[in-house]
Amino acid sequence: MQSLAMRSAMICGAAARPQVAAPAAAATAAAPAPRPRVALRRSLRVAAAAEAGSDAPVAAVQSFATTVPVRVRGADGKLAEMPGTAGVYAVYDSSGTLHYLGISRKIAVSMATHAEALPEQLVHSVKVLELPEAGKDELQAAWKQWMQEAVTETGAIPPGNAPGQTLWQQRRPRQSKPEIRLTPGKGLQDLTCSLEELIDQVVKSCKVVAFVKGTRTQPQCGFSHQVLTILTESGADFEVVNVLDDVYNPGLREAIKTYSAWPTIPQVFVGGEFMGGADIVNQMHQSGELKKALQEAGAVRA
């Protein structure tokens, strides 16, 4: 962890992320010789039972064959923007070979997890079928339809969907960003400015900052957990200040209430402006206002 003085230049003045280059289509994999029909049907039933387990009917959806794969990462190496809605997705490696066909409530989150846990060559491009209003049965039926098309096209079940395979369920633990410390830990008497001035410096210099009870990974109250979850799922680049850290942030729990004229914690500031506590932030998240504010502050891509 670092003090405010050490971190301000590093984390608070970062420029907005560059725009990702337009994704390029992945190469089409050469289809291997078809396996016998009986074996194919047996393998397909096993994979479908393991992944979906449903024979629910599904309305006509975009076909697997006509869906164009897009690159998972842009020319700058950053993850391309993916849909935050539910749907089905098919992941290809750098040679154009289909490796996994998945189903997700939030495609962007699933793809970010795969990209972080697996080699870049393996998670190279992806076909996406967005089904934002679909229920569980509809999602499973759409997945089964795409799986049937994929097996017909390639002659085999994607390796990641084979029975017993767990590679695509792997998650690599993230190294969380450390919390901001307002002081060096020597007490308020060692400061050359007031605590309120330090708070103002953090609020004005960080794109998004959340004053919470606890840390980024171990919030100490349900409301703080709710706020951190919303900011994380929004994809925002945000900072965290622990008001319960009496060593490095002495007196902050009451000082932040005075600063914002708001009686409760957590408190979220975006672009130097006070957004509110957990209830208001949640309402803004549901209405889309939070996303707009984050975009205007340069904390997420438009």
Protein backbone atom coordinates (compact mmCIF):
# COMPACT_ATOMS: atom_id res chain seq x y z
CA MET A 1 0.00 0.00 0.00
CA GLN A 2 1.08 3.56 -0.58
CA SER A 3 0.40 6.90 1.02
CA LEU A 4 -1.68 9.52 -0.74
CA ALA A 5 1.42 11.53 -1.60
CA MET A 6 3.06 8.53 -3.28
CA ARG A 7 -0.07 7.38 -5.14
CA SER A 8 -1.69 10.60 -6.32
CA ALA A 9 0.54 10.99 -9.35
CA MET A 10 0.25 7.32 -10.23
CA ILE A 11 -3.46 6.57 -9.90
CA CYS A 12 -5.45 9.76 -9.74
CA GLY A 13 -4.40 11.53 -12.93
CA ALA A 14 -4.60 8.63 -15.36
CA ALA A 15 -5.83 9.55 -18.83
CA ALA A 16 -8.96 8.00 -20.29
CA ARG A 17 -8.47 4.63 -21.91
CA PRO A 18 -7.72 4.71 -25.64
CA GLN A 19 -10.42 3.53 -27.98
CA VAL A 20 -10.11 -0.09 -28.99
CA ALA A 21 -9.50 -0.70 -32.69
CA ALA A 22 -12.30 -2.26 -34.70
CA PRO A 23 -12.25 -6.03 -34.12
CA ALA A 24 -11.10 -8.27 -36.94
CA ALA A 25 -12.76 -11.54 -37.90
CA ALA A 26 -10.96 -14.68 -36.84
CA ALA A 27 -9.83 -17.24 -39.39
CA THR A 28 -12.26 -20.07 -40.02
CA ALA A 29 -11.05 -23.41 -38.77
CA ALA A 30 -10.76 -26.22 -41.28
CA ALA A 31 -13.39 -28.82 -40.50
CA PRO A 32 -12.02 -32.28 -39.72
CA ALA A 33 -13.50 -35.37 -41.34
CA PRO A 34 -16.96 -36.06 -39.88
CA ARG A 35 -17.25 -38.72 -37.24
CA PRO A 36 -19.94 -41.42 -37.53
CA ARG A 37 -23.42 -40.04 -36.93
CA VAL A 38 -24.18 -42.30 -33.99
CA ALA A 39 -21.01 -41.27 -32.15
CA LEU A 40 -21.66 -37.61 -32.88
CA ARG A 41 -25.20 -37.77 -31.56
CA ARG A 42 -24.05 -39.60 -28.44
CA SER A 43 -21.30 -37.02 -27.76
CA LEU A 44 -23.68 -34.15 -28.38
CA ARG A 45 -26.20 -35.53 -25.91
CA VAL A 46 -23.52 -35.86 -23.25
CA ALA A 47 -22.28 -32.30 -23.75
CA ALA A 48 -25.80 -30.86 -23.87
CA ALA A 49 -26.78 -32.65 -20.69
CA ALA A 50 -23.69 -31.41 -18.89
CA GLU A 51 -23.91 -27.78 -20.00
CA ALA A 52 -27.60 -27.09 -20.52
CA GLY A 53 -29.81 -29.96 -19.42
CA SER A 54 -32.89 -28.60 -21.18
CA ASP A 55 -34.95 -29.44 -24.26
CA ALA A 56 -36.98 -26.23 -24.02
CA PRO A 57 -38.08 -24.81 -27.39
CA VAL A 58 -36.40 -21.59 -28.52
CA ALA A 59 -37.53 -18.93 -30.93
CA ALA A 60 -35.51 -18.47 -34.12
CA VAL A 61 -32.13 -17.08 -33.21
CA GLN A 62 -29.14 -15.90 -35.17
CA SER A 63 -27.40 -18.95 -36.55
CA PHE A 64 -23.98 -20.09 -35.43
CA ALA A 65 -22.67 -20.31 -39.00
CA THR A 66 -23.60 -16.74 -39.99
CA THR A 67 -22.32 -15.09 -36.78
CA VAL A 68 -18.99 -13.38 -37.37
CA PRO A 69 -16.30 -13.83 -34.69
CA VAL A 70 -14.65 -10.71 -33.28
CA ARG A 71 -11.28 -10.28 -31.62
CA VAL A 72 -11.27 -10.52 -27.83
CA ARG A 73 -8.49 -7.95 -27.55
CA GLY A 74 -7.92 -4.79 -29.54
CA ALA A 75 -4.71 -3.69 -31.24
CA ASP A 76 -3.64 -2.07 -27.95
CA GLY A 77 -3.91 -5.39 -26.10
CA LYS A 78 -6.89 -4.30 -24.01
CA LEU A 79 -10.09 -6.33 -23.84
CA ALA A 80 -12.61 -5.30 -26.46
CA GLU A 81 -16.00 -4.17 -25.24
CA MET A 82 -18.37 -7.12 -24.86
CA PRO A 83 -22.13 -7.20 -24.26
CA GLY A 84 -23.13 -6.98 -20.61
CA THR A 85 -26.29 -8.96 -21.33
CA ALA A 86 -27.15 -12.65 -21.23
CA GLY A 87 -26.47 -14.90 -24.18
CA VAL A 88 -24.38 -17.63 -25.77
CA TYR A 89 -20.78 -17.31 -26.93
CA ALA A 90 -18.22 -19.43 -28.81
CA VAL A 91 -14.49 -18.93 -28.17
CA TYR A 92 -11.79 -19.57 -30.80
CA ASP A 93 -8.02 -19.79 -30.52
CA SER A 94 -5.55 -17.84 -32.67
CA SER A 95 -5.64 -20.52 -35.39
CA GLY A 96 -9.43 -20.27 -35.71
CA THR A 97 -10.24 -23.51 -33.89
CA LEU A 98 -13.41 -23.53 -31.78
CA HIS A 99 -12.53 -24.42 -28.19
CA TYR A 100 -15.55 -23.64 -26.04
CA LEU A 101 -19.23 -22.82 -26.34
CA GLY A 102 -20.59 -21.13 -23.25
CA ILE A 103 -23.77 -19.72 -21.78
CA SER A 104 -23.77 -16.64 -19.55
CA ARG A 105 -25.96 -14.14 -17.76
CA LYS A 106 -23.31 -11.48 -18.44
CA ILE A 107 -21.18 -12.24 -21.48
CA ALA A 108 -18.72 -9.42 -20.72
CA VAL A 109 -17.98 -10.83 -17.26
CA SER A 110 -17.55 -14.39 -18.56
CA MET A 111 -15.21 -13.29 -21.34
CA ALA A 112 -13.15 -11.15 -18.97
CA THR A 113 -12.78 -14.18 -16.68
CA HIS A 114 -11.65 -16.42 -19.55
CA ALA A 115 -9.24 -13.80 -20.87
CA GLU A 116 -7.65 -13.38 -17.46
CA ALA A 117 -7.40 -17.07 -16.57
CA LEU A 118 -6.33 -18.56 -19.91
CA PRO A 119 -3.55 -17.87 -22.46
CA GLU A 120 -4.20 -15.09 -24.96
CA GLN A 121 -3.69 -17.48 -27.89
CA LEU A 122 -6.50 -19.67 -26.57
CA VAL A 123 -8.97 -16.81 -26.03
CA HIS A 124 -8.41 -15.04 -29.35
CA SER A 125 -11.82 -14.38 -30.87
CA VAL A 126 -15.46 -14.98 -30.02
CA LYS A 127 -18.88 -15.35 -31.62
CA VAL A 128 -21.64 -13.77 -29.55
CA LEU A 129 -25.39 -14.33 -29.51
CA GLU A 130 -27.07 -11.70 -27.33
CA LEU A 131 -30.33 -12.72 -25.63
CA PRO A 132 -30.96 -9.89 -23.15
CA GLU A 133 -34.55 -10.84 -22.32
CA ALA A 134 -34.10 -14.61 -22.33
CA GLY A 135 -34.95 -16.77 -19.34
CA LYS A 136 -33.03 -19.84 -18.21
CA ASP A 137 -34.84 -22.29 -20.50
CA GLU A 138 -34.47 -20.02 -23.53
CA LEU A 139 -30.75 -19.58 -22.89
CA GLN A 140 -30.23 -23.32 -22.55
CA ALA A 141 -32.23 -24.02 -25.72
CA ALA A 142 -30.24 -21.41 -27.67
CA TRP A 143 -26.99 -22.93 -26.39
CA LYS A 144 -28.13 -26.37 -27.51
CA GLN A 145 -29.04 -25.04 -30.96
CA TRP A 146 -25.60 -23.44 -31.37
CA MET A 147 -23.92 -26.60 -30.11
CA GLN A 148 -25.77 -28.69 -32.70
CA GLU A 149 -24.71 -26.28 -35.45
CA ALA A 150 -21.11 -26.24 -34.20
CA VAL A 151 -20.88 -30.03 -34.16
CA THR A 152 -22.39 -30.20 -37.65
CA GLU A 153 -19.85 -27.65 -38.90
CA THR A 154 -16.71 -28.99 -37.21
CA GLY A 155 -17.54 -32.67 -36.77
CA ALA A 156 -16.73 -32.67 -33.06
CA ILE A 157 -17.72 -31.21 -29.71
CA PRO A 158 -15.54 -28.22 -28.74
CA PRO A 159 -12.70 -29.51 -26.51
CA GLY A 160 -13.73 -27.27 -23.62
CA ASN A 161 -17.23 -28.78 -23.59
CA ALA A 162 -16.10 -32.41 -23.52
CA PRO A 163 -17.21 -34.39 -20.44
CA GLY A 164 -14.86 -33.94 -17.51
CA GLN A 165 -13.17 -30.80 -18.87
CA THR A 166 -12.79 -27.97 -16.34
CA LEU A 167 -10.30 -25.69 -18.11
CA TRP A 168 -12.92 -23.09 -18.98
CA GLN A 169 -14.23 -22.97 -15.43
CA GLN A 170 -10.86 -21.80 -14.12
CA ARG A 171 -10.51 -18.39 -12.53
CA ARG A 172 -7.25 -16.67 -11.76
CA PRO A 173 -7.28 -14.67 -8.50
CA ARG A 174 -6.96 -10.99 -9.21
CA GLN A 175 -4.47 -8.76 -7.50
CA SER A 176 -6.71 -6.06 -6.14
CA LYS A 177 -5.73 -2.42 -6.26
CA PRO A 178 -4.64 -1.20 -2.80
CA GLU A 179 -6.75 1.28 -0.87
CA ILE A 180 -5.73 4.92 -0.65
CA ARG A 181 -4.11 5.97 2.61
CA LEU A 182 -4.55 9.61 3.53
CA THR A 183 -1.64 9.79 5.98
CA PRO A 184 1.75 8.09 6.53
CA GLY A 185 0.36 6.50 9.70
CA LYS A 186 2.01 8.81 12.23
CA GLY A 187 -1.16 10.49 13.45
CA LEU A 188 -2.99 13.70 12.61
CA GLN A 189 -0.48 15.79 14.51
CA ASP A 190 2.14 14.92 11.87
CA LEU A 191 0.09 16.43 9.03
CA THR A 192 0.84 19.81 7.47
CA CYS A 193 -2.77 20.23 6.27
CA SER A 194 -6.21 19.34 7.59
CA LEU A 195 -7.94 16.01 7.06
CA GLU A 196 -10.69 17.81 5.13
CA GLU A 197 -8.08 19.14 2.70
CA LEU A 198 -6.75 15.64 2.16
CA ILE A 199 -10.27 14.35 1.49
CA ASP A 200 -10.83 17.15 -1.01
CA GLN A 201 -7.57 16.34 -2.76
CA VAL A 202 -8.61 12.70 -3.18
CA VAL A 203 -12.14 13.56 -4.33
CA LYS A 204 -10.97 16.16 -6.85
CA SER A 205 -8.05 14.19 -8.29
CA CYS A 206 -9.62 10.72 -8.66
CA LYS A 207 -12.15 9.91 -11.37
CA VAL A 208 -14.15 7.71 -9.00
CA VAL A 209 -13.59 7.14 -5.30
CA ALA A 210 -15.65 5.18 -2.77
CA PHE A 211 -15.31 5.82 0.96
CA VAL A 212 -16.37 2.52 2.52
CA LYS A 213 -16.22 0.47 5.68
CA GLY A 214 -13.49 -2.09 5.05
CA THR A 215 -11.34 -2.83 2.03
CA ARG A 216 -11.99 -3.46 -1.64
CA THR A 217 -11.91 -7.23 -1.13
CA GLN A 218 -13.22 -7.36 2.45
CA PRO A 219 -15.99 -4.81 2.98
CA GLN A 220 -17.22 -4.65 6.56
CA CYS A 221 -20.88 -3.84 5.91
CA GLY A 222 -23.54 -4.87 3.43
CA PHE A 223 -23.99 -1.39 1.99
CA SER A 224 -20.27 -1.03 1.31
CA HIS A 225 -20.30 -4.45 -0.37
CA GLN A 226 -23.23 -3.36 -2.53
CA VAL A 227 -21.49 -0.20 -3.72
CA LEU A 228 -18.23 -2.00 -4.48
CA THR A 229 -20.10 -4.69 -6.41
CA ILE A 230 -21.92 -2.12 -8.53
CA LEU A 231 -18.72 -0.22 -9.35
CA THR A 232 -16.86 -3.43 -10.16
CA GLU A 233 -19.59 -4.78 -12.43
CA SER A 234 -19.81 -1.43 -14.21
CA GLY A 235 -16.18 -1.84 -15.25
CA ALA A 236 -15.20 1.46 -13.66
CA ASP A 237 -11.64 2.34 -12.72
CA PHE A 238 -12.21 3.41 -9.12
CA GLU A 239 -10.35 4.02 -5.89
CA VAL A 240 -11.29 2.92 -2.38
CA VAL A 241 -10.67 4.60 0.99
CA ASN A 242 -11.27 2.58 4.16
CA VAL A 243 -12.89 4.81 6.79
CA LEU A 244 -12.25 2.17 9.47
CA ASP A 245 -8.46 2.33 9.06
CA ASP A 246 -7.58 4.35 12.17
CA VAL A 247 -3.84 4.02 11.55
CA TYR A 248 -3.64 5.62 8.11
CA ASN A 249 -7.03 7.37 8.00
CA PRO A 250 -7.59 8.55 11.59
CA GLY A 251 -10.80 10.49 12.11
CA LEU A 252 -11.97 9.86 8.53
CA ARG A 253 -15.24 8.17 9.48
CA GLU A 254 -16.64 11.44 10.87
CA ALA A 255 -14.63 13.82 8.67
CA ILE A 256 -16.10 12.44 5.44
CA LYS A 257 -19.62 12.98 6.78
CA THR A 258 -18.80 16.61 7.50
CA TYR A 259 -17.15 17.06 4.11
CA SER A 260 -20.13 15.73 2.14
CA ALA A 261 -22.86 16.82 4.56
CA TRP A 262 -24.13 13.25 4.31
CA PRO A 263 -24.72 11.20 7.49
CA THR A 264 -23.97 7.65 6.31
CA ILE A 265 -21.25 5.52 4.78
CA PRO A 266 -20.47 4.38 2.09
CA GLN A 267 -20.11 7.51 -0.01
CA VAL A 268 -19.30 7.60 -3.72
CA PHE A 269 -17.79 10.51 -5.65
CA VAL A 270 -17.58 10.60 -9.46
CA GLY A 271 -15.69 13.31 -11.32
CA GLY A 272 -15.32 15.29 -8.10
CA GLU A 273 -19.07 15.28 -7.44
CA PHE A 274 -20.86 13.51 -4.60
CA MET A 275 -23.21 10.83 -5.97
CA GLY A 276 -24.66 9.50 -2.71
CA GLY A 277 -24.74 6.38 -0.59
CA ALA A 278 -25.68 2.80 -1.38
CA ASP A 279 -29.39 3.39 -2.08
CA ILE A 280 -28.83 6.33 -4.42
CA VAL A 281 -25.94 4.66 -6.23
CA ASN A 282 -28.09 1.57 -6.74
CA GLN A 283 -30.95 3.67 -8.11
CA MET A 284 -28.56 5.44 -10.48
CA HIS A 285 -27.19 2.08 -11.56
CA GLN A 286 -30.67 0.76 -12.33
CA SER A 287 -31.68 3.89 -14.26
CA GLY A 288 -28.47 4.17 -16.27
CA GLU A 289 -27.50 7.49 -14.69
CA LEU A 290 -24.43 5.98 -13.02
CA LYS A 291 -23.07 4.63 -16.30
CA LYS A 292 -23.48 8.04 -17.90
CA ALA A 293 -21.70 9.76 -15.00
CA LEU A 294 -18.85 7.23 -15.13
CA GLN A 295 -18.46 7.75 -18.86
CA GLU A 296 -18.41 11.54 -18.47
CA ALA A 297 -15.72 11.19 -15.80
CA GLY A 298 -13.62 8.99 -18.11
CA ALA A 299 -13.84 6.02 -15.73
CA VAL A 300 -15.40 3.70 -18.34
CA ARG A 301 -15.49 3.68 -22.12
CA ALA A 302 -18.49 5.28 -23.79
